[in-house]
Amino acid sequence: MNKSKESFTDFLLDQFSASETVTAKKMFGGVGFFREGLMFGMIDGGGQLLFKVDESNLQDYKDHGSNPFKSPSKKGSMPYWTVPAKVIEDRDQLNAWADKAFAVALKKQKK
């Protein structure tokens, strides 16, 4: 992991410290963020933070002009959208969005 991605990961873990325990794990050239063993977010290879999205939280991302994650190796998009910079910088808002993304991960696990 390069130094800037490592610094961004450390910054995000500090931002998440207000929430329940969040861990980070290197994966596929990026970083996955986990709570209770479920991945709810990631930093992609380009250094963008993305959270898991479904119909329950999609409008938040659309309202902020975010985009879906598109993997260069897969057709279509995955259920992750970019988290806007102003959300990342606001600890309370970031944790609220992370909580919603975790709720999506929980729903997906139960299916």
Protein backbone atom coordinates (compact mmCIF):
# COMPACT_ATOMS: atom_id res chain seq x y z
CA MET A 1 0.00 0.00 0.00
CA ASN A 2 1.42 3.38 -0.90
CA LYS A 3 2.03 6.02 1.75
CA SER A 4 -0.82 8.33 0.72
CA LYS A 5 -3.37 5.47 0.75
CA GLU A 6 -2.01 4.39 4.14
CA SER A 7 -2.38 7.95 5.49
CA PHE A 8 -5.92 8.18 4.11
CA THR A 9 -6.77 4.83 5.71
CA ASP A 10 -5.42 6.03 9.07
CA PHE A 11 -7.40 9.27 8.75
CA LEU A 12 -10.61 7.33 8.01
CA LEU A 13 -10.07 4.91 10.90
CA ASP A 14 -9.73 7.95 13.16
CA GLN A 15 -12.93 9.42 11.70
CA PHE A 16 -14.70 6.09 12.29
CA SER A 17 -13.51 5.92 15.91
CA ALA A 18 -16.75 7.62 16.98
CA SER A 19 -18.64 4.65 15.60
CA GLU A 20 -18.55 0.97 16.47
CA THR A 21 -15.30 -0.87 15.87
CA VAL A 22 -14.21 -0.54 12.26
CA THR A 23 -11.21 -2.41 10.90
CA ALA A 24 -9.33 -2.04 7.64
CA LYS A 25 -7.84 -4.79 5.52
CA LYS A 26 -5.71 -4.52 2.37
CA MET A 27 -7.41 -6.13 -0.60
CA PHE A 28 -6.98 -6.12 -4.38
CA GLY A 29 -4.86 -2.97 -4.51
CA GLY A 30 -7.24 -1.14 -2.19
CA VAL A 31 -8.52 -1.29 1.36
CA GLY A 32 -11.75 -2.79 2.71
CA PHE A 33 -13.53 -1.40 5.77
CA PHE A 34 -15.29 -3.93 7.99
CA ARG A 35 -17.60 -3.95 10.98
CA GLU A 36 -18.57 -7.24 12.63
CA GLY A 37 -16.80 -9.05 9.80
CA LEU A 38 -18.91 -7.42 7.07
CA MET A 39 -17.41 -5.15 4.43
CA PHE A 40 -19.37 -1.91 4.12
CA GLY A 41 -16.81 0.33 2.46
CA MET A 42 -13.54 0.46 0.58
CA ILE A 43 -10.82 2.61 -0.83
CA ASP A 44 -10.44 1.69 -4.48
CA GLY A 45 -7.18 1.50 -6.41
CA GLY A 46 -7.56 5.18 -7.31
CA GLY A 47 -7.77 6.24 -3.67
CA GLN A 48 -11.50 7.01 -3.50
CA LEU A 49 -13.65 6.06 -0.51
CA LEU A 50 -16.78 4.13 -1.47
CA PHE A 51 -19.64 2.80 0.66
CA LYS A 52 -22.08 -0.02 0.03
CA VAL A 53 -25.39 1.23 -1.38
CA ASP A 54 -28.89 -0.06 -2.06
CA GLU A 55 -32.29 1.57 -2.50
CA SER A 56 -32.31 2.61 1.19
CA ASN A 57 -29.37 5.02 0.89
CA LEU A 58 -28.86 5.56 -2.85
CA GLN A 59 -30.57 8.95 -2.91
CA ASP A 60 -27.96 10.38 -0.48
CA TYR A 61 -25.26 9.67 -3.05
CA LYS A 62 -27.27 10.93 -6.01
CA ASP A 63 -28.06 14.15 -4.12
CA HIS A 64 -24.32 14.77 -3.70
CA GLY A 65 -23.42 13.96 -7.33
CA SER A 66 -21.58 10.76 -6.44
CA ASN A 67 -20.86 7.98 -8.89
CA PRO A 68 -21.07 4.21 -8.74
CA PHE A 69 -17.88 2.17 -8.58
CA LYS A 70 -17.01 0.53 -11.86
CA SER A 71 -14.47 -2.25 -11.78
CA PRO A 72 -12.18 -2.32 -14.81
CA SER A 73 -12.34 -6.12 -14.74
CA LYS A 74 -16.14 -6.49 -14.48
CA LYS A 75 -19.00 -5.34 -16.66
CA GLY A 76 -21.48 -3.02 -15.01
CA SER A 77 -21.18 -1.47 -11.61
CA MET A 78 -20.88 -2.85 -8.11
CA PRO A 79 -23.08 -1.76 -5.18
CA TYR A 80 -20.54 0.85 -4.00
CA TRP A 81 -20.68 4.59 -4.59
CA THR A 82 -18.13 7.34 -3.97
CA VAL A 83 -18.40 9.19 -0.67
CA PRO A 84 -18.25 12.98 -1.18
CA ALA A 85 -15.28 14.85 0.32
CA LYS A 86 -17.51 17.05 2.50
CA VAL A 87 -19.01 13.90 4.06
CA ILE A 88 -15.54 12.41 4.66
CA GLU A 89 -14.43 15.58 6.44
CA ASP A 90 -17.48 15.70 8.74
CA ARG A 91 -17.00 12.92 11.33
CA ASP A 92 -20.67 12.80 12.37
CA GLN A 93 -21.96 12.72 8.82
CA LEU A 94 -19.35 10.16 7.76
CA ASN A 95 -20.33 7.85 10.61
CA ALA A 96 -24.03 8.26 9.77
CA TRP A 97 -23.31 7.26 6.16
CA ALA A 98 -21.12 4.37 7.37
CA ASP A 99 -23.97 3.16 9.59
CA LYS A 100 -26.32 3.14 6.59
CA ALA A 101 -23.73 1.29 4.48
CA PHE A 102 -23.28 -1.28 7.25
CA ALA A 103 -27.07 -1.74 7.40
CA VAL A 104 -26.98 -2.50 3.66
CA ALA A 105 -24.22 -5.07 4.24
CA LEU A 106 -26.31 -6.68 7.00
CA LYS A 107 -29.34 -6.90 4.71
CA LYS A 108 -27.27 -8.49 1.94
CA GLN A 109 -25.84 -11.03 4.37
CA LYS A 110 -29.29 -12.10 5.56
CA LYS A 111 -30.54 -12.81 2.02
